[in-house]
Amino acid sequence: FKAGVNYYDTAYIYPGSEAALGEIVERNGI
């Protein structure tokens, strides 16, 4: 994110991926 990446790809069937991304994004307010 700090290097400028603004596209984050996940999917329903990636185990734990959506929840992990959601937690990280919310925690960092981005």
PDB file of all heavy atoms in Angstrom:
ATOM      1  N   PHE A   1       0.831  -1.208   0.000  1.00  0.00           N
ATOM      2  CA  PHE A   1       0.000   0.000   0.000  1.00  0.00           C
ATOM      3  C   PHE A   1       0.865   1.259   0.000  1.00  0.00           C
ATOM      4  O   PHE A   1       0.630   2.200  -0.775  1.00  0.00           O
ATOM      5  CB  PHE A   1      -0.930  -0.009   1.213  1.00  0.00           C
ATOM      6  CG  PHE A   1      -1.659   1.283   1.434  1.00  0.00           C
ATOM      7  CD1 PHE A   1      -2.725   1.643   0.620  1.00  0.00           C
ATOM      8  CD2 PHE A   1      -1.281   2.152   2.454  1.00  0.00           C
ATOM      9  CE1 PHE A   1      -3.400   2.844   0.820  1.00  0.00           C
ATOM     10  CE2 PHE A   1      -1.936   3.347   2.654  1.00  0.00           C
ATOM     11  CZ  PHE A   1      -3.008   3.705   1.835  1.00  0.00           C
ATOM     12  N   LYS A   2       1.880   1.274   0.854  1.00  0.00           N
ATOM     13  CA  LYS A   2       2.757   2.439   0.942  1.00  0.00           C
ATOM     14  C   LYS A   2       3.563   2.649  -0.340  1.00  0.00           C
ATOM     15  O   LYS A   2       3.966   3.769  -0.652  1.00  0.00           O
ATOM     16  CB  LYS A   2       3.679   2.302   2.146  1.00  0.00           C
ATOM     17  CG  LYS A   2       2.940   2.447   3.473  1.00  0.00           C
ATOM     18  CD  LYS A   2       3.820   2.103   4.671  1.00  0.00           C
ATOM     19  CE  LYS A   2       3.008   2.159   5.967  1.00  0.00           C
ATOM     20  NZ  LYS A   2       3.810   1.703   7.144  1.00  0.00           N
ATOM     21  N   ALA A   3       3.780   1.556  -1.088  1.00  0.00           N
ATOM     22  CA  ALA A   3       4.504   1.651  -2.357  1.00  0.00           C
ATOM     23  C   ALA A   3       3.586   2.035  -3.511  1.00  0.00           C
ATOM     24  O   ALA A   3       4.056   2.216  -4.633  1.00  0.00           O
ATOM     25  CB  ALA A   3       5.189   0.323  -2.662  1.00  0.00           C
ATOM     26  N   GLY A   4       2.280   2.147  -3.232  1.00  0.00           N
ATOM     27  CA  GLY A   4       1.346   2.613  -4.254  1.00  0.00           C
ATOM     28  C   GLY A   4       0.399   1.588  -4.822  1.00  0.00           C
ATOM     29  O   GLY A   4      -0.395   1.893  -5.716  1.00  0.00           O
ATOM     30  N   VAL A   5       0.433   0.340  -4.329  1.00  0.00           N
ATOM     31  CA  VAL A   5      -0.498  -0.683  -4.817  1.00  0.00           C
ATOM     32  C   VAL A   5      -1.901  -0.349  -4.325  1.00  0.00           C
ATOM     33  O   VAL A   5      -2.128  -0.178  -3.125  1.00  0.00           O
ATOM     34  CB  VAL A   5      -0.086  -2.087  -4.318  1.00  0.00           C
ATOM     35  CG1 VAL A   5      -1.132  -3.127  -4.702  1.00  0.00           C
ATOM     36  CG2 VAL A   5       1.281  -2.474  -4.881  1.00  0.00           C
ATOM     37  N   ASN A   6      -2.858  -0.265  -5.252  1.00  0.00           N
ATOM     38  CA  ASN A   6      -4.223   0.104  -4.844  1.00  0.00           C
ATOM     39  C   ASN A   6      -5.276  -0.912  -5.286  1.00  0.00           C
ATOM     40  O   ASN A   6      -6.468  -0.645  -5.223  1.00  0.00           O
ATOM     41  CB  ASN A   6      -4.591   1.501  -5.349  1.00  0.00           C
ATOM     42  CG  ASN A   6      -4.763   1.587  -6.864  1.00  0.00           C
ATOM     43  OD1 ASN A   6      -4.650   0.589  -7.583  1.00  0.00           O
ATOM     44  ND2 ASN A   6      -5.034   2.791  -7.357  1.00  0.00           N
ATOM     45  N   TYR A   7      -4.834  -2.103  -5.734  1.00  0.00           N
ATOM     46  CA  TYR A   7      -5.770  -3.131  -6.197  1.00  0.00           C
ATOM     47  C   TYR A   7      -5.481  -4.429  -5.439  1.00  0.00           C
ATOM     48  O   TYR A   7      -4.365  -4.963  -5.509  1.00  0.00           O
ATOM     49  CB  TYR A   7      -5.596  -3.352  -7.700  1.00  0.00           C
ATOM     50  CG  TYR A   7      -6.669  -4.205  -8.351  1.00  0.00           C
ATOM     51  CD1 TYR A   7      -7.780  -3.611  -8.956  1.00  0.00           C
ATOM     52  CD2 TYR A   7      -6.579  -5.594  -8.378  1.00  0.00           C
ATOM     53  CE1 TYR A   7      -8.761  -4.379  -9.567  1.00  0.00           C
ATOM     54  CE2 TYR A   7      -7.557  -6.366  -8.975  1.00  0.00           C
ATOM     55  CZ  TYR A   7      -8.644  -5.759  -9.569  1.00  0.00           C
ATOM     56  OH  TYR A   7      -9.618  -6.520 -10.171  1.00  0.00           O
ATOM     57  N   TYR A   8      -6.506  -4.940  -4.710  1.00  0.00           N
ATOM     58  CA  TYR A   8      -6.343  -6.120  -3.859  1.00  0.00           C
ATOM     59  C   TYR A   8      -7.406  -7.148  -4.233  1.00  0.00           C
ATOM     60  O   TYR A   8      -8.605  -6.883  -4.116  1.00  0.00           O
ATOM     61  CB  TYR A   8      -6.429  -5.719  -2.386  1.00  0.00           C
ATOM     62  CG  TYR A   8      -5.292  -4.798  -1.992  1.00  0.00           C
ATOM     63  CD1 TYR A   8      -5.329  -3.437  -2.302  1.00  0.00           C
ATOM     64  CD2 TYR A   8      -4.147  -5.298  -1.374  1.00  0.00           C
ATOM     65  CE1 TYR A   8      -4.272  -2.590  -1.997  1.00  0.00           C
ATOM     66  CE2 TYR A   8      -3.083  -4.459  -1.057  1.00  0.00           C
ATOM     67  CZ  TYR A   8      -3.153  -3.114  -1.379  1.00  0.00           C
ATOM     68  OH  TYR A   8      -2.096  -2.294  -1.078  1.00  0.00           O
ATOM     69  N   ASP A   9      -6.958  -8.321  -4.659  1.00  0.00           N
ATOM     70  CA  ASP A   9      -7.845  -9.330  -5.232  1.00  0.00           C
ATOM     71  C   ASP A   9      -7.995 -10.537  -4.302  1.00  0.00           C
ATOM     72  O   ASP A   9      -7.011 -11.127  -3.854  1.00  0.00           O
ATOM     73  CB  ASP A   9      -7.255  -9.797  -6.572  1.00  0.00           C
ATOM     74  CG  ASP A   9      -8.009 -10.975  -7.154  1.00  0.00           C
ATOM     75  OD1 ASP A   9      -7.646 -12.135  -6.856  1.00  0.00           O
ATOM     76  OD2 ASP A   9      -8.960 -10.740  -7.916  1.00  0.00           O
ATOM     77  N   THR A  10      -9.234 -10.904  -4.026  1.00  0.00           N
ATOM     78  CA  THR A  10      -9.521 -12.079  -3.208  1.00  0.00           C
ATOM     79  C   THR A  10     -10.714 -12.807  -3.819  1.00  0.00           C
ATOM     80  O   THR A  10     -11.144 -12.499  -4.929  1.00  0.00           O
ATOM     81  CB  THR A  10      -9.771 -11.659  -1.743  1.00  0.00           C
ATOM     82  OG1 THR A  10      -9.994 -12.827  -0.949  1.00  0.00           O
ATOM     83  CG2 THR A  10     -10.959 -10.718  -1.604  1.00  0.00           C
ATOM     84  N   ALA A  11     -11.237 -13.803  -3.110  1.00  0.00           N
ATOM     85  CA  ALA A  11     -12.386 -14.555  -3.620  1.00  0.00           C
ATOM     86  C   ALA A  11     -13.052 -15.312  -2.488  1.00  0.00           C
ATOM     87  O   ALA A  11     -12.438 -15.596  -1.466  1.00  0.00           O
ATOM     88  CB  ALA A  11     -11.956 -15.531  -4.720  1.00  0.00           C
ATOM     89  N   TYR A  12     -14.301 -15.661  -2.703  1.00  0.00           N
ATOM     90  CA  TYR A  12     -15.096 -16.368  -1.692  1.00  0.00           C
ATOM     91  C   TYR A  12     -14.436 -17.673  -1.272  1.00  0.00           C
ATOM     92  O   TYR A  12     -14.450 -18.033  -0.087  1.00  0.00           O
ATOM     93  CB  TYR A  12     -16.492 -16.649  -2.253  1.00  0.00           C
ATOM     94  CG  TYR A  12     -17.414 -17.339  -1.273  1.00  0.00           C
ATOM     95  CD1 TYR A  12     -18.118 -16.594  -0.329  1.00  0.00           C
ATOM     96  CD2 TYR A  12     -17.561 -18.726  -1.275  1.00  0.00           C
ATOM     97  CE1 TYR A  12     -18.961 -17.223   0.586  1.00  0.00           C
ATOM     98  CE2 TYR A  12     -18.396 -19.358  -0.374  1.00  0.00           C
ATOM     99  CZ  TYR A  12     -19.095 -18.600   0.561  1.00  0.00           C
ATOM    100  OH  TYR A  12     -19.920 -19.228   1.463  1.00  0.00           O
ATOM    101  N   ILE A  13     -13.843 -18.389  -2.226  1.00  0.00           N
ATOM    102  CA  ILE A  13     -13.322 -19.728  -1.909  1.00  0.00           C
ATOM    103  C   ILE A  13     -11.861 -19.736  -1.483  1.00  0.00           C
ATOM    104  O   ILE A  13     -11.306 -20.809  -1.233  1.00  0.00           O
ATOM    105  CB  ILE A  13     -13.504 -20.693  -3.092  1.00  0.00           C
ATOM    106  CG1 ILE A  13     -12.680 -20.242  -4.304  1.00  0.00           C
ATOM    107  CG2 ILE A  13     -14.958 -20.869  -3.431  1.00  0.00           C
ATOM    108  CD1 ILE A  13     -12.539 -21.325  -5.364  1.00  0.00           C
ATOM    109  N   TYR A  14     -11.203 -18.585  -1.394  1.00  0.00           N
ATOM    110  CA  TYR A  14      -9.837 -18.571  -0.869  1.00  0.00           C
ATOM    111  C   TYR A  14      -9.938 -18.632   0.656  1.00  0.00           C
ATOM    112  O   TYR A  14     -10.351 -17.653   1.287  1.00  0.00           O
ATOM    113  CB  TYR A  14      -9.090 -17.300  -1.267  1.00  0.00           C
ATOM    114  CG  TYR A  14      -8.942 -17.054  -2.749  1.00  0.00           C
ATOM    115  CD1 TYR A  14      -8.535 -15.818  -3.222  1.00  0.00           C
ATOM    116  CD2 TYR A  14      -9.182 -18.064  -3.690  1.00  0.00           C
ATOM    117  CE1 TYR A  14      -8.385 -15.573  -4.580  1.00  0.00           C
ATOM    118  CE2 TYR A  14      -9.041 -17.828  -5.033  1.00  0.00           C
ATOM    119  CZ  TYR A  14      -8.642 -16.575  -5.478  1.00  0.00           C
ATOM    120  OH  TYR A  14      -8.496 -16.338  -6.823  1.00  0.00           O
ATOM    121  N   PRO A  15      -9.562 -19.747   1.278  1.00  0.00           N
ATOM    122  CA  PRO A  15      -9.807 -19.933   2.717  1.00  0.00           C
ATOM    123  C   PRO A  15      -9.242 -18.815   3.589  1.00  0.00           C
ATOM    124  O   PRO A  15      -8.029 -18.588   3.626  1.00  0.00           O
ATOM    125  CB  PRO A  15      -9.107 -21.266   3.013  1.00  0.00           C
ATOM    126  CG  PRO A  15      -9.096 -21.987   1.709  1.00  0.00           C
ATOM    127  CD  PRO A  15      -8.903 -20.920   0.672  1.00  0.00           C
ATOM    128  N   GLY A  16     -10.139 -18.098   4.266  1.00  0.00           N
ATOM    129  CA  GLY A  16      -9.739 -17.059   5.204  1.00  0.00           C
ATOM    130  C   GLY A  16      -9.285 -15.749   4.575  1.00  0.00           C
ATOM    131  O   GLY A  16      -9.035 -14.768   5.292  1.00  0.00           O
ATOM    132  N   SER A  17      -9.194 -15.707   3.262  1.00  0.00           N
ATOM    133  CA  SER A  17      -8.596 -14.545   2.586  1.00  0.00           C
ATOM    134  C   SER A  17      -9.435 -13.280   2.714  1.00  0.00           C
ATOM    135  O   SER A  17      -8.923 -12.208   3.061  1.00  0.00           O
ATOM    136  CB  SER A  17      -8.366 -14.870   1.104  1.00  0.00           C
ATOM    137  OG  SER A  17      -7.889 -13.733   0.412  1.00  0.00           O
ATOM    138  N   GLU A  18     -10.739 -13.390   2.416  1.00  0.00           N
ATOM    139  CA  GLU A  18     -11.590 -12.205   2.491  1.00  0.00           C
ATOM    140  C   GLU A  18     -11.608 -11.632   3.909  1.00  0.00           C
ATOM    141  O   GLU A  18     -11.486 -10.416   4.107  1.00  0.00           O
ATOM    142  CB  GLU A  18     -13.020 -12.537   2.040  1.00  0.00           C
ATOM    143  CG  GLU A  18     -13.149 -12.772   0.551  1.00  0.00           C
ATOM    144  CD  GLU A  18     -14.561 -13.155   0.145  1.00  0.00           C
ATOM    145  OE1 GLU A  18     -15.251 -13.860   0.921  1.00  0.00           O
ATOM    146  OE2 GLU A  18     -14.988 -12.746  -0.945  1.00  0.00           O
ATOM    147  N   ALA A  19     -11.743 -12.507   4.901  1.00  0.00           N
ATOM    148  CA  ALA A  19     -11.793 -12.055   6.297  1.00  0.00           C
ATOM    149  C   ALA A  19     -10.481 -11.405   6.713  1.00  0.00           C
ATOM    150  O   ALA A  19     -10.466 -10.374   7.410  1.00  0.00           O
ATOM    151  CB  ALA A  19     -12.120 -13.226   7.220  1.00  0.00           C
ATOM    152  N   ALA A  20      -9.364 -11.979   6.286  1.00  0.00           N
ATOM    153  CA  ALA A  20      -8.061 -11.412   6.633  1.00  0.00           C
ATOM    154  C   ALA A  20      -7.875 -10.045   5.996  1.00  0.00           C
ATOM    155  O   ALA A  20      -7.433  -9.087   6.651  1.00  0.00           O
ATOM    156  CB  ALA A  20      -6.940 -12.360   6.193  1.00  0.00           C
ATOM    157  N   LEU A  21      -8.221  -9.938   4.728  1.00  0.00           N
ATOM    158  CA  LEU A  21      -8.092  -8.657   4.041  1.00  0.00           C
ATOM    159  C   LEU A  21      -8.989  -7.613   4.691  1.00  0.00           C
ATOM    160  O   LEU A  21      -8.561  -6.476   4.934  1.00  0.00           O
ATOM    161  CB  LEU A  21      -8.444  -8.812   2.561  1.00  0.00           C
ATOM    162  CG  LEU A  21      -8.355  -7.536   1.721  1.00  0.00           C
ATOM    163  CD1 LEU A  21      -6.933  -6.989   1.691  1.00  0.00           C
ATOM    164  CD2 LEU A  21      -8.858  -7.802   0.288  1.00  0.00           C
ATOM    165  N   GLY A  22     -10.231  -7.994   5.000  1.00  0.00           N
ATOM    166  CA  GLY A  22     -11.150  -7.060   5.638  1.00  0.00           C
ATOM    167  C   GLY A  22     -10.634  -6.557   6.965  1.00  0.00           C
ATOM    168  O   GLY A  22     -10.722  -5.364   7.279  1.00  0.00           O
ATOM    169  N   GLU A  23     -10.080  -7.456   7.766  1.00  0.00           N
ATOM    170  CA  GLU A  23      -9.546  -7.074   9.076  1.00  0.00           C
ATOM    171  C   GLU A  23      -8.366  -6.111   8.931  1.00  0.00           C
ATOM    172  O   GLU A  23      -8.283  -5.097   9.641  1.00  0.00           O
ATOM    173  CB  GLU A  23      -9.101  -8.323   9.836  1.00  0.00           C
ATOM    174  CG  GLU A  23      -8.522  -8.035  11.221  1.00  0.00           C
ATOM    175  CD  GLU A  23      -8.121  -9.293  11.972  1.00  0.00           C
ATOM    176  OE1 GLU A  23      -8.625 -10.385  11.620  1.00  0.00           O
ATOM    177  OE2 GLU A  23      -7.299  -9.188  12.909  1.00  0.00           O
ATOM    178  N   ILE A  24      -7.473  -6.410   8.010  1.00  0.00           N
ATOM    179  CA  ILE A  24      -6.287  -5.568   7.818  1.00  0.00           C
ATOM    180  C   ILE A  24      -6.661  -4.189   7.295  1.00  0.00           C
ATOM    181  O   ILE A  24      -6.151  -3.165   7.766  1.00  0.00           O
ATOM    182  CB  ILE A  24      -5.298  -6.267   6.862  1.00  0.00           C
ATOM    183  CG1 ILE A  24      -4.717  -7.518   7.530  1.00  0.00           C
ATOM    184  CG2 ILE A  24      -4.178  -5.318   6.442  1.00  0.00           C
ATOM    185  CD1 ILE A  24      -3.989  -8.450   6.577  1.00  0.00           C
ATOM    186  N   VAL A  25      -7.565  -4.167   6.341  1.00  0.00           N
ATOM    187  CA  VAL A  25      -7.989  -2.884   5.760  1.00  0.00           C
ATOM    188  C   VAL A  25      -8.688  -2.020   6.805  1.00  0.00           C
ATOM    189  O   VAL A  25      -8.411  -0.815   6.921  1.00  0.00           O
ATOM    190  CB  VAL A  25      -8.909  -3.138   4.544  1.00  0.00           C
ATOM    191  CG1 VAL A  25      -9.589  -1.847   4.096  1.00  0.00           C
ATOM    192  CG2 VAL A  25      -8.104  -3.729   3.387  1.00  0.00           C
ATOM    193  N   GLU A  26      -9.591  -2.619   7.590  1.00  0.00           N
ATOM    194  CA  GLU A  26     -10.306  -1.865   8.622  1.00  0.00           C
ATOM    195  C   GLU A  26      -9.351  -1.371   9.698  1.00  0.00           C
ATOM    196  O   GLU A  26      -9.422  -0.212  10.128  1.00  0.00           O
ATOM    197  CB  GLU A  26     -11.380  -2.752   9.246  1.00  0.00           C
ATOM    198  CG  GLU A  26     -12.209  -2.037  10.300  1.00  0.00           C
ATOM    199  CD  GLU A  26     -13.252  -2.952  10.917  1.00  0.00           C
ATOM    200  OE1 GLU A  26     -12.852  -3.917  11.612  1.00  0.00           O
ATOM    201  OE2 GLU A  26     -14.455  -2.723  10.703  1.00  0.00           O
ATOM    202  N   ARG A  27      -8.439  -2.234  10.126  1.00  0.00           N
ATOM    203  CA  ARG A  27      -7.507  -1.883  11.190  1.00  0.00           C
ATOM    204  C   ARG A  27      -6.634  -0.683  10.806  1.00  0.00           C
ATOM    205  O   ARG A  27      -6.271   0.137  11.651  1.00  0.00           O
ATOM    206  CB  ARG A  27      -6.621  -3.090  11.501  1.00  0.00           C
ATOM    207  CG  ARG A  27      -5.678  -2.888  12.685  1.00  0.00           C
ATOM    208  CD  ARG A  27      -4.743  -4.087  12.819  1.00  0.00           C
ATOM    209  NE  ARG A  27      -5.473  -5.312  13.108  1.00  0.00           N
ATOM    210  CZ  ARG A  27      -4.917  -6.519  13.090  1.00  0.00           C
ATOM    211  NH1 ARG A  27      -3.640  -6.674  12.763  1.00  0.00           N
ATOM    212  NH2 ARG A  27      -5.640  -7.589  13.392  1.00  0.00           N
ATOM    213  N   ASN A  28      -6.313  -0.585   9.530  1.00  0.00           N
ATOM    214  CA  ASN A  28      -5.416   0.485   9.079  1.00  0.00           C
ATOM    215  C   ASN A  28      -6.141   1.663   8.441  1.00  0.00           C
ATOM    216  O   ASN A  28      -5.494   2.619   7.998  1.00  0.00           O
ATOM    217  CB  ASN A  28      -4.391  -0.092   8.097  1.00  0.00           C
ATOM    218  CG  ASN A  28      -3.378  -0.980   8.790  1.00  0.00           C
ATOM    219  OD1 ASN A  28      -2.382  -0.504   9.323  1.00  0.00           O
ATOM    220  ND2 ASN A  28      -3.635  -2.291   8.806  1.00  0.00           N
ATOM    221  N   GLY A  29      -7.466   1.607   8.391  1.00  0.00           N
ATOM    222  CA  GLY A  29      -8.253   2.735   7.897  1.00  0.00           C
ATOM    223  C   GLY A  29      -7.974   3.121   6.462  1.00  0.00           C
ATOM    224  O   GLY A  29      -7.944   4.314   6.127  1.00  0.00           O
ATOM    225  N   ILE A  30      -7.816   2.119   5.581  1.00  0.00           N
ATOM    226  CA  ILE A  30      -7.451   2.432   4.201  1.00  0.00           C
ATOM    227  C   ILE A  30      -8.530   2.052   3.181  1.00  0.00           C
ATOM    228  O   ILE A  30      -8.278   2.064   1.971  1.00  0.00           O
ATOM    229  CB  ILE A  30      -6.123   1.743   3.815  1.00  0.00           C
ATOM    230  CG1 ILE A  30      -6.255   0.210   3.938  1.00  0.00           C
ATOM    231  CG2 ILE A  30      -4.970   2.256   4.675  1.00  0.00           C
ATOM    232  CD1 ILE A  30      -5.043  -0.553   3.384  1.00  0.00           C
TER     233      ILE A  30
END
